Protein backbone atom coordinates (compact mmCIF):
# COMPACT_ATOMS: atom_id res chain seq x y z
CA MET A 1 18.51 127.74 136.87
CA ALA A 2 19.43 126.83 133.27
CA TRP A 3 19.99 129.57 130.83
CA ASN A 4 17.11 128.47 128.65
CA GLU A 5 14.45 128.21 131.40
CA PRO A 6 11.49 130.65 131.51
CA GLY A 7 12.19 133.79 133.44
CA ASN A 8 15.90 133.89 132.53
CA ASP A 9 16.87 137.05 130.72
CA GLY A 10 19.63 135.38 128.74
CA GLU A 11 22.47 136.40 131.04
CA LYS A 12 23.87 132.87 131.00
CA ASP A 13 23.34 132.26 127.32
CA PRO A 14 26.78 131.50 125.88
CA TRP A 15 25.78 132.44 122.43
CA GLY A 16 24.23 135.66 123.62
CA SER A 17 27.25 136.53 125.70
CA ARG A 18 29.52 135.73 122.72
CA GLN A 19 27.61 138.17 120.63
CA ASP A 20 27.92 140.77 123.33
CA GLN A 21 31.67 140.23 124.08
CA GLY A 22 33.03 140.06 120.49
CA PRO A 23 35.73 137.63 119.21
CA PRO A 24 36.98 134.85 121.61
CA ASP A 25 40.11 135.38 123.68
CA LEU A 26 43.07 133.09 122.64
CA ASP A 27 44.52 133.03 126.13
CA GLU A 28 41.23 131.82 127.49
CA ALA A 29 41.05 129.11 124.80
CA PHE A 30 44.57 127.83 125.65
CA LYS A 31 43.70 127.82 129.31
CA LYS A 32 40.62 125.72 128.70
CA LEU A 33 42.69 123.30 126.60
CA LYS A 34 45.24 122.87 129.42
CA ASP A 35 42.44 122.30 131.88
CA ASN A 36 40.94 119.60 129.67
CA LEU A 37 44.34 117.84 129.25
CA GLY A 38 44.91 118.03 132.96
CA GLY A 39 41.56 116.42 133.57
CA MET A 40 42.37 113.61 131.14
CA PHE A 41 45.66 112.73 132.91
CA GLY A 42 44.34 113.08 136.46
CA GLY A 43 44.49 116.85 136.95
CA GLY A 44 41.60 118.82 138.42
CA GLY A 45 39.42 121.00 136.31
CA GLY A 46 39.14 123.83 138.89
CA SER A 47 40.63 127.26 138.67
CA GLY A 48 43.50 128.75 140.62
CA SER A 49 47.27 128.50 140.63
CA SER A 50 47.38 124.92 141.89
CA SER A 51 45.15 123.60 139.14
CA GLY A 52 47.18 125.52 136.51
CA GLY A 53 50.47 123.96 137.72
CA LYS A 54 49.02 120.48 137.61
CA GLY A 55 47.86 121.06 134.03
CA VAL A 56 51.34 122.09 132.90
CA LYS A 57 52.92 119.02 134.50
CA SER A 58 50.38 116.74 132.91
CA SER A 59 51.01 118.16 129.47
CA LEU A 60 54.76 117.72 129.90
CA VAL A 61 54.30 114.09 130.94
CA ALA A 62 52.13 113.48 127.92
CA LEU A 63 54.73 115.08 125.67
CA VAL A 64 57.52 112.95 127.14
CA LEU A 65 55.47 109.80 126.80
CA GLY A 66 54.76 110.61 123.16
CA VAL A 67 58.44 111.17 122.45
CA LEU A 68 59.32 107.88 124.17
CA ILE A 69 56.74 105.98 122.16
CA ILE A 70 58.01 107.44 118.89
CA GLY A 71 61.62 106.72 119.85
CA TYR A 72 60.71 103.16 120.84
CA GLY A 73 59.16 102.65 117.45
CA PHE A 74 62.19 103.99 115.60
CA MET A 75 64.58 101.87 117.67
CA GLY A 76 63.06 98.68 116.31
CA VAL A 77 63.61 99.54 112.64
CA TYR A 78 66.56 97.79 110.96
CA THR A 79 67.67 96.72 107.45
CA LEU A 80 69.42 93.53 106.27
CA ASP A 81 71.64 93.33 103.19
CA GLU A 82 71.43 90.58 100.59
CA GLN A 83 74.29 88.71 102.25
CA GLU A 84 72.80 88.86 105.77
CA ARG A 85 70.28 86.72 107.63
CA GLY A 86 68.78 87.26 111.06
CA VAL A 87 67.48 85.17 113.96
CA VAL A 88 64.79 86.58 116.27
CA LEU A 89 64.67 85.80 120.00
CA ARG A 90 61.40 86.76 121.70
CA PHE A 91 61.87 86.82 125.46
CA GLY A 92 64.85 84.51 124.91
CA LYS A 93 62.95 81.96 122.81
CA VAL A 94 64.03 81.49 119.22
CA GLN A 95 61.44 82.07 116.50
CA GLU A 96 61.09 79.71 113.58
CA ALA A 97 61.21 82.29 110.80
CA VAL A 98 64.59 83.57 109.63
CA VAL A 99 64.71 87.27 108.88
CA MET A 100 65.39 87.79 105.18
CA PRO A 101 67.04 90.82 103.50
CA GLY A 102 65.07 94.06 103.49
CA LEU A 103 63.50 96.55 105.93
CA SER A 104 62.14 95.00 109.14
CA TRP A 105 60.94 96.00 112.60
CA TYR A 106 61.07 94.35 115.98
CA PRO A 107 59.88 95.53 119.39
CA PRO A 108 62.94 96.41 121.46
CA ILE A 109 63.34 94.71 124.86
CA VAL A 110 60.76 92.14 123.77
CA ASP A 111 62.71 90.81 120.78
CA GLN A 112 66.40 90.45 120.07
CA VAL A 113 67.76 90.06 116.52
CA ILE A 114 71.07 88.28 115.85
CA ILE A 115 72.44 89.11 112.39
CA HIS A 116 75.21 87.25 110.53
CA ASN A 117 76.66 87.44 107.03
CA THR A 118 76.00 84.06 105.38
CA SER A 119 77.76 84.71 102.05
CA ARG A 120 81.19 85.98 103.11
CA VAL A 121 83.92 83.35 102.98
CA ARG A 122 85.79 83.29 106.27
CA SER A 123 89.31 81.95 106.80
CA HIS A 124 90.71 80.12 109.79
CA PRO A 125 94.51 79.65 109.79
CA HIS A 126 96.00 76.67 111.59
CA ASP A 127 99.62 75.83 112.44
CA SER A 128 100.86 72.84 114.42
CA GLU A 129 103.56 70.16 114.71
CA MET A 130 102.65 66.49 114.83
CA LEU A 131 103.92 62.95 114.29
CA THR A 132 103.55 61.09 111.02
CA GLU A 133 102.91 57.38 110.56
CA ASP A 134 106.67 56.63 110.41
CA GLU A 135 107.22 58.57 113.67
CA ASN A 136 108.71 61.72 112.19
CA ILE A 137 107.80 65.26 113.23
CA VAL A 138 106.48 67.67 110.61
CA LYS A 139 105.10 71.19 110.68
CA VAL A 140 101.80 71.73 108.91
CA LYS A 141 100.33 75.13 108.04
CA LEU A 142 96.90 75.27 106.47
CA THR A 143 93.91 77.55 106.00
CA VAL A 144 90.29 76.47 106.41
CA GLN A 145 87.79 78.47 104.36
CA TYR A 146 84.15 78.29 105.42
CA VAL A 147 80.76 80.03 105.23
CA ILE A 148 77.73 80.09 107.52
CA GLU A 149 75.25 77.63 106.08
CA ASN A 150 72.65 77.63 108.89
CA VAL A 151 72.40 80.94 110.74
CA LYS A 152 70.24 79.50 113.56
CA SER A 153 72.69 76.73 114.36
CA TYR A 154 75.65 79.08 114.09
CA ALA A 155 74.10 81.66 116.43
CA LEU A 156 72.42 79.40 119.02
CA GLN A 157 73.52 75.76 118.80
CA VAL A 158 77.17 76.25 119.81
CA ARG A 159 78.48 78.99 122.06
CA GLU A 160 81.78 79.55 120.19
CA PRO A 161 81.62 78.05 116.68
CA GLU A 162 85.11 79.30 115.73
CA LYS A 163 86.61 77.54 118.73
CA SER A 164 84.84 74.34 117.77
CA LEU A 165 86.20 74.75 114.25
CA HIS A 166 89.72 75.17 115.63
CA GLN A 167 89.48 72.03 117.74
CA SER A 168 87.95 70.05 114.87
CA THR A 169 90.74 71.18 112.55
CA GLU A 170 93.38 70.12 115.07
CA SER A 171 91.79 66.70 115.43
CA ALA A 172 91.36 66.19 111.68
CA VAL A 173 94.92 67.25 110.87
CA ARG A 174 96.43 64.98 113.52
CA HIS A 175 94.34 62.04 112.34
CA VAL A 176 95.25 62.47 108.65
CA VAL A 177 98.93 63.30 109.18
CA GLY A 178 99.27 60.55 111.78
CA SER A 179 98.14 57.99 109.20
CA THR A 180 100.44 59.28 106.43
CA GLU A 181 104.17 58.83 105.96
CA MET A 182 106.41 61.86 106.06
CA ASP A 183 107.48 61.57 102.41
CA GLU A 184 103.89 61.89 101.22
CA VAL A 185 103.20 64.76 103.61
CA LEU A 186 106.20 66.72 102.31
CA THR A 187 105.78 65.97 98.59
CA GLU A 188 102.93 64.83 96.38
CA GLY A 189 100.52 63.80 99.14
CA ARG A 190 99.61 67.35 100.17
CA ALA A 191 96.64 67.71 97.83
CA VAL A 192 95.12 64.40 98.88
CA MET A 193 95.75 65.25 102.52
CA GLY A 194 93.87 68.56 102.14
CA ASP A 195 90.81 66.79 100.74
CA GLU A 196 90.78 64.24 103.57
CA ILE A 197 91.10 66.98 106.20
CA LYS A 198 88.18 68.88 104.65
CA ILE A 199 85.91 65.83 104.77
CA ARG A 200 86.73 65.10 108.41
CA ILE A 201 86.24 68.73 109.51
CA GLN A 202 82.86 68.87 107.78
CA ASP A 203 81.80 65.66 109.53
CA TYR A 204 82.70 67.20 112.89
CA MET A 205 80.84 70.42 112.08
CA ASN A 206 77.71 68.46 111.13
CA ALA A 207 77.91 66.38 114.29
CA TYR A 208 78.26 69.46 116.49
CA GLY A 209 75.51 71.36 114.65
CA THR A 210 77.57 74.51 114.20
CA GLY A 211 75.94 75.53 110.92
CA ILE A 212 79.38 75.89 109.27
CA TYR A 213 80.09 74.64 105.76
CA VAL A 214 83.77 74.09 104.88
CA THR A 215 84.40 75.18 101.29
CA GLN A 216 88.14 74.55 100.98
CA VAL A 217 91.20 73.44 102.96
CA ASN A 218 94.48 74.82 101.58
CA VAL A 219 97.67 73.16 102.83
CA ASP A 220 100.01 76.15 102.69
CA GLU A 221 103.20 74.52 103.95
CA THR A 222 104.49 71.18 105.14
CA ALA A 223 108.06 71.15 106.43
CA PRO A 224 110.30 69.25 108.83
CA PRO A 225 111.40 70.84 112.11
CA ASP A 226 113.99 73.59 111.90
CA ALA A 227 116.70 71.45 113.51
CA VAL A 228 116.72 68.94 110.65
CA ARG A 229 115.46 71.15 107.82
CA GLU A 230 118.82 71.21 105.98
CA ALA A 231 119.06 67.42 105.89
CA PHE A 232 115.51 67.14 104.61
CA ASP A 233 116.22 69.74 101.94
CA GLU A 234 119.12 67.60 100.74
CA VAL A 235 116.86 64.58 100.56
CA ILE A 236 114.27 66.53 98.60
CA ARG A 237 116.91 67.80 96.17
CA ALA A 238 118.16 64.25 95.66
CA ARG A 239 114.65 63.08 94.89
CA GLU A 240 114.15 65.94 92.49
CA ASP A 241 117.39 64.96 90.73
CA GLU A 242 116.15 61.38 90.57
CA VAL A 243 112.90 62.50 88.98
CA ARG A 244 114.78 64.73 86.53
CA VAL A 245 117.20 61.96 85.47
CA ARG A 246 114.34 59.52 85.14
CA ASN A 247 112.45 61.94 82.93
CA GLU A 248 115.53 62.45 80.77
CA ALA A 249 115.95 58.68 80.45
CA ASP A 250 112.31 58.31 79.49
CA ALA A 251 112.68 61.04 76.89
CA TYR A 252 115.79 59.35 75.44
CA ALA A 253 114.01 55.99 75.38
CA ASN A 254 111.01 57.55 73.67
CA GLN A 255 113.37 58.92 71.03
CA VAL A 256 115.61 55.85 70.48
CA ILE A 257 113.02 53.09 70.63
CA PRO A 258 110.91 54.39 67.73
CA GLU A 259 114.05 54.88 65.64
CA ALA A 260 115.19 51.32 66.38
CA ARG A 261 111.76 49.97 65.56
CA GLY A 262 111.79 51.91 62.31
CA GLU A 263 115.23 50.53 61.39
CA ALA A 264 114.11 47.01 62.23
CA GLN A 265 111.01 47.43 60.12
CA LYS A 266 113.11 48.78 57.25
CA TYR A 267 115.49 45.79 57.39
CA MET A 268 112.59 43.37 57.48
CA GLU A 269 111.02 45.00 54.46
CA GLU A 270 114.36 45.01 52.60
CA SER A 271 114.95 41.34 53.39
CA GLU A 272 111.45 40.51 52.28
CA GLY A 273 112.02 42.40 49.04
CA TYR A 274 115.37 40.64 48.51
CA ARG A 275 113.73 37.27 49.10
CA GLN A 276 110.96 37.98 46.65
CA ARG A 277 113.47 39.28 44.10
CA VAL A 278 115.74 36.20 44.38
CA VAL A 279 112.82 33.83 44.22
CA ALA A 280 111.46 35.65 41.20
CA GLN A 281 114.88 35.58 39.50
CA ALA A 282 115.29 31.88 40.24
CA SER A 283 111.84 31.16 38.92
CA GLY A 284 112.58 33.18 35.79
CA GLU A 285 115.90 31.42 35.21
CA ALA A 286 114.23 28.07 35.65
CA GLN A 287 111.51 28.95 33.15
CA ARG A 288 114.12 30.38 30.76
CA PHE A 289 116.17 27.21 31.00
CA SER A 290 113.12 25.07 30.32
CA LYS A 291 112.22 27.10 27.23
CA LEU A 292 115.88 27.15 26.10
CA TYR A 293 116.09 23.41 26.41
CA VAL A 294 113.12 23.00 24.14
CA GLU A 295 114.80 25.22 21.55
CA TYR A 296 118.10 23.39 21.96
CA LYS A 297 116.47 20.07 21.20
CA ALA A 298 115.02 21.55 18.03
CA ALA A 299 118.26 23.21 16.77
CA PRO A 300 121.32 22.30 18.85
CA GLU A 301 123.98 24.08 16.78
CA VAL A 302 122.22 27.38 16.48
CA THR A 303 121.18 27.40 20.10
CA ARG A 304 124.68 26.55 21.28
CA GLU A 305 126.16 29.32 19.13
CA ARG A 306 123.65 31.82 20.51
CA MET A 307 124.31 30.79 24.07
CA TYR A 308 128.04 31.17 23.54
CA LEU A 309 127.69 34.63 22.10
CA ASP A 310 125.36 35.78 24.87
CA THR A 311 127.73 34.46 27.51
CA MET A 312 130.80 36.10 26.02
CA GLU A 313 128.92 39.37 25.62
CA ALA A 314 127.87 39.29 29.25
CA VAL A 315 131.39 38.51 30.45
CA MET A 316 133.28 40.93 28.27
CA SER A 317 130.88 43.76 28.92
CA ASN A 318 132.46 44.03 32.38
CA ALA A 319 136.05 44.23 31.02
CA SER A 320 137.65 47.18 29.29
CA LYS A 321 140.39 45.21 27.50
CA VAL A 322 140.59 41.66 26.11
CA MET A 323 143.74 39.79 24.94
CA ILE A 324 143.13 36.80 22.63
CA ASP A 325 145.77 34.22 21.63
CA VAL A 326 145.56 33.47 17.89
CA GLU A 327 145.90 29.84 16.92
CA GLY A 328 148.98 28.98 14.84
CA GLY A 329 150.85 32.23 15.39
CA ASN A 330 152.74 34.27 17.88
CA ASN A 331 150.49 37.28 17.62
CA MET A 332 147.76 38.17 20.08
CA MET A 333 144.62 40.04 19.24
CA TYR A 334 143.84 43.11 21.34
CA LEU A 335 140.28 44.30 21.62
CA PRO A 336 139.90 47.81 23.16
CA LEU A 337 136.47 47.31 24.51
CA ASP A 338 136.61 50.59 26.48
CA LYS A 339 136.92 52.47 23.22
CA LEU A 340 134.26 50.44 21.59
CA THR A 341 131.77 51.11 24.38
CA GLN A 342 132.07 54.85 23.79
CA GLN A 343 130.32 54.39 20.50
CA SER A 344 126.60 54.00 20.28
CA GLY A 345 125.13 51.03 22.01
CA SER A 346 123.85 49.39 18.88
CA ASN A 347 127.11 49.82 16.96
CA ALA A 348 129.17 48.58 19.86
CA SER A 349 127.02 45.49 20.15
CA ASN A 350 127.38 44.78 16.44
CA VAL A 351 131.16 45.22 16.59
CA ASP A 352 131.48 42.96 19.58
CA VAL A 353 129.32 40.27 18.05
CA THR A 354 131.15 40.50 14.71
CA ALA A 355 134.55 40.36 16.35
CA LEU A 356 133.58 37.38 18.38
CA ARG A 357 132.23 35.58 15.37
CA ARG A 358 135.55 36.02 13.59
CA LEU A 359 137.47 34.32 16.37
CA PRO A 360 138.83 30.87 15.58
CA ALA A 361 136.83 27.97 16.77
CA ALA A 362 139.69 26.76 18.93
CA THR A 363 139.45 29.89 21.07
CA ARG A 364 135.81 29.20 21.83
């Protein structure tokens, strides 16, 4: 019979019994909670020691499952730096999206994340001996610097990208060195050789789909084999001496040739000036003679006398002493022109002209 049916005195009324018994018992409340949890996870809801043990086991299983679920969730949390990129494999199948920097989560066991640094510059050293075009053996040491350009291709396309890079470098170096003479490999051809090797390695990397981008190829050393190194060093020193002597000769030529050209130009200008001066003097003399001839025709005696005086003045101005034989006597006239020239120019000219005018006509 239900507690609320007619004829029931309220013995089974929970609310009435609660009022009669006082505050609830905590142990009884925990027991009921265990019984309910045991019923949820397959345990019986009856009383007794067996039902109590099953309830405890069920609660422990639930607690362990909760801890496992929380741990599973935390295991899938990861963070990528700015330089890193990730590739997600879901049950072994690659996903299209690339994981970018930041906080991310993936379900463990279901997904697998492959992470690589795509900004760090990696270096791959290479050292080998090979034949040149003129059938000489040289040792080449170089360093290939590269970065990961495509993280998917680098992680999944090729099994060992570094090994592929090594083999591509070996092939590229042998191809370039094999088509170059030893002199160029050992001297000025190293820079050009490095550029050619870089281009060929990048072509191989693109063909293989490794996702590697070659940034630089540095040719660290090119040398002959150790057995003939001394002889090659002598050859290199001789070539360096040749270059040095040639540079010195070029410097001397650059110094002497401009000086010679300047001297030649100076002589040409002096000769041109001399020519113009002589032509001008000849033209002036010709014009002077023409004008003097006109004056001579007008007054022959005066013009002749003036011409004689001018001529004697021009001649005797270059002599310091003059001896003149006097007509009709044994005496000779002495003119100290060096003393006369010490006087003023105007007085000396007057004395000379006067003295010359007093000379006999026979002496003219």
